[in-house]
């Protein structure tokens, strides 16, 4: 029987909750693309995608 996994991204300190953001960045050493992912508060997501 399969198990159902339920994940909540709500953080009590963030107030509005959190989101999982994934972006593709280029490695300076090899030149290959890598994925960078974080779980961040919703109000910081524009800074994450701006690369700050």
N, C-alpha and C. Protein backbone atom coordinates (compact mmCIF):
# COMPACT_ATOMS: atom_id res chain seq x y z
N UNK A 1 0.84 -1.17 0.00
CA UNK A 1 0.00 0.00 0.00
C UNK A 1 0.89 1.24 0.00
N UNK A 2 0.58 2.21 -0.83
CA UNK A 2 1.39 3.42 -0.96
C UNK A 2 1.09 4.38 0.19
N UNK A 3 2.12 5.09 0.60
CA UNK A 3 1.95 6.08 1.65
C UNK A 3 1.83 7.46 1.02
N UNK A 4 1.02 8.29 1.60
CA UNK A 4 0.83 9.64 1.10
C UNK A 4 1.66 10.59 1.96
N UNK A 5 2.55 11.34 1.32
CA UNK A 5 3.39 12.30 2.04
C UNK A 5 2.76 13.68 1.91
N UNK A 6 2.57 14.33 3.03
CA UNK A 6 1.99 15.66 3.05
C UNK A 6 3.01 16.59 3.67
N UNK A 7 3.40 17.62 2.92
CA UNK A 7 4.38 18.58 3.42
C UNK A 7 3.72 19.94 3.51
N UNK A 8 3.91 20.59 4.63
CA UNK A 8 3.43 21.95 4.77
C UNK A 8 4.62 22.88 4.86
N UNK A 9 4.56 23.99 4.17
CA UNK A 9 5.65 24.94 4.15
C UNK A 9 5.33 26.17 5.01
N UNK A 10 4.37 26.02 5.90
CA UNK A 10 4.02 27.15 6.75
C UNK A 10 4.98 27.25 7.92
N UNK A 11 5.44 28.47 8.14
CA UNK A 11 6.35 28.75 9.23
C UNK A 11 5.65 29.73 10.16
N UNK A 12 5.61 29.43 11.43
CA UNK A 12 4.88 30.27 12.37
C UNK A 12 5.51 31.66 12.49
N UNK A 13 6.82 31.78 12.28
CA UNK A 13 7.48 33.07 12.44
C UNK A 13 7.33 33.95 11.21
N UNK A 14 7.10 33.37 10.04
CA UNK A 14 7.02 34.16 8.81
C UNK A 14 5.67 34.87 8.67
N UNK A 15 4.63 34.35 9.27
CA UNK A 15 3.34 35.00 9.21
C UNK A 15 2.56 34.62 7.96
N UNK A 16 3.08 34.90 6.81
CA UNK A 16 2.39 34.61 5.55
C UNK A 16 2.70 33.21 5.03
N UNK A 17 3.68 32.56 5.58
CA UNK A 17 4.05 31.24 5.09
C UNK A 17 5.36 31.30 4.33
N UNK A 18 5.70 30.20 3.71
CA UNK A 18 6.95 30.10 2.99
C UNK A 18 6.72 29.44 1.64
N UNK A 19 7.68 29.65 0.75
CA UNK A 19 7.62 29.04 -0.58
C UNK A 19 8.96 28.39 -0.87
N UNK A 20 8.94 27.38 -1.73
CA UNK A 20 10.17 26.74 -2.16
C UNK A 20 10.50 27.31 -3.54
N UNK A 21 11.66 27.96 -3.64
CA UNK A 21 12.08 28.58 -4.89
C UNK A 21 13.28 27.83 -5.45
N UNK A 22 13.25 27.58 -6.74
CA UNK A 22 14.33 26.89 -7.44
C UNK A 22 14.76 27.76 -8.61
N UNK A 23 16.06 28.03 -8.72
CA UNK A 23 16.56 28.77 -9.87
C UNK A 23 17.81 28.10 -10.40
N UNK A 24 18.11 28.35 -11.65
CA UNK A 24 19.25 27.74 -12.31
C UNK A 24 20.38 28.76 -12.34
N UNK A 25 21.55 28.38 -11.84
CA UNK A 25 22.72 29.26 -11.83
C UNK A 25 23.87 28.57 -12.53
N UNK A 26 24.77 29.36 -13.07
CA UNK A 26 25.92 28.81 -13.80
C UNK A 26 27.12 28.75 -12.88
N UNK A 27 27.80 27.63 -12.84
CA UNK A 27 28.99 27.46 -12.02
C UNK A 27 30.15 28.19 -12.68
N UNK A 28 30.89 28.97 -11.89
CA UNK A 28 32.02 29.71 -12.44
C UNK A 28 33.21 28.79 -12.68
N UNK A 29 33.30 27.71 -11.94
CA UNK A 29 34.43 26.81 -12.08
C UNK A 29 34.33 25.94 -13.32
N UNK A 30 33.16 25.32 -13.53
CA UNK A 30 33.02 24.38 -14.64
C UNK A 30 32.21 24.94 -15.80
N UNK A 31 31.40 25.95 -15.55
CA UNK A 31 30.54 26.51 -16.60
C UNK A 31 29.23 25.76 -16.76
N UNK A 32 29.02 24.70 -15.99
CA UNK A 32 27.78 23.93 -16.05
C UNK A 32 26.69 24.63 -15.24
N UNK A 33 25.47 24.31 -15.56
CA UNK A 33 24.35 24.87 -14.82
C UNK A 33 24.02 23.98 -13.64
N UNK A 34 23.67 24.63 -12.51
CA UNK A 34 23.27 23.93 -11.30
C UNK A 34 21.94 24.51 -10.84
N UNK A 35 21.24 23.78 -10.01
CA UNK A 35 19.99 24.26 -9.45
C UNK A 35 20.22 24.66 -8.00
N UNK A 36 19.77 25.87 -7.66
CA UNK A 36 19.85 26.36 -6.29
C UNK A 36 18.42 26.46 -5.78
N UNK A 37 18.16 25.81 -4.65
CA UNK A 37 16.80 25.83 -4.11
C UNK A 37 16.83 26.16 -2.63
N UNK A 38 15.82 26.90 -2.21
CA UNK A 38 15.68 27.31 -0.82
C UNK A 38 14.21 27.38 -0.46
N UNK A 39 13.92 27.24 0.81
CA UNK A 39 12.58 27.51 1.33
C UNK A 39 12.69 28.84 2.07
N UNK A 40 12.00 29.83 1.54
CA UNK A 40 12.14 31.20 2.04
C UNK A 40 10.76 31.80 2.30
N UNK A 41 10.69 32.86 3.11
CA UNK A 41 9.41 33.55 3.31
C UNK A 41 8.93 34.16 1.99
N UNK A 42 7.63 34.30 1.84
CA UNK A 42 7.06 34.77 0.58
C UNK A 42 7.48 36.19 0.23
N UNK A 43 7.74 37.03 1.22
CA UNK A 43 8.11 38.40 0.91
C UNK A 43 9.57 38.55 0.46
N UNK A 44 10.39 37.52 0.59
CA UNK A 44 11.79 37.57 0.17
C UNK A 44 12.03 36.90 -1.18
N UNK A 45 10.97 36.45 -1.86
CA UNK A 45 11.17 35.68 -3.08
C UNK A 45 11.72 36.52 -4.22
N UNK A 46 11.38 37.79 -4.31
CA UNK A 46 11.94 38.64 -5.37
C UNK A 46 13.43 38.85 -5.19
N UNK A 47 13.89 38.94 -3.96
CA UNK A 47 15.33 39.07 -3.70
C UNK A 47 16.07 37.79 -4.07
N UNK A 48 15.45 36.64 -3.84
CA UNK A 48 16.07 35.36 -4.19
C UNK A 48 16.30 35.25 -5.70
N UNK A 49 15.29 35.63 -6.48
CA UNK A 49 15.43 35.52 -7.93
C UNK A 49 16.28 36.64 -8.51
N UNK A 50 16.47 37.72 -7.78
CA UNK A 50 17.37 38.79 -8.24
C UNK A 50 18.83 38.42 -7.97
N UNK A 51 19.06 37.40 -7.17
CA UNK A 51 20.42 36.94 -6.90
C UNK A 51 21.05 37.62 -5.70
N UNK A 52 20.26 38.24 -4.87
CA UNK A 52 20.80 38.95 -3.70
C UNK A 52 20.97 38.03 -2.53
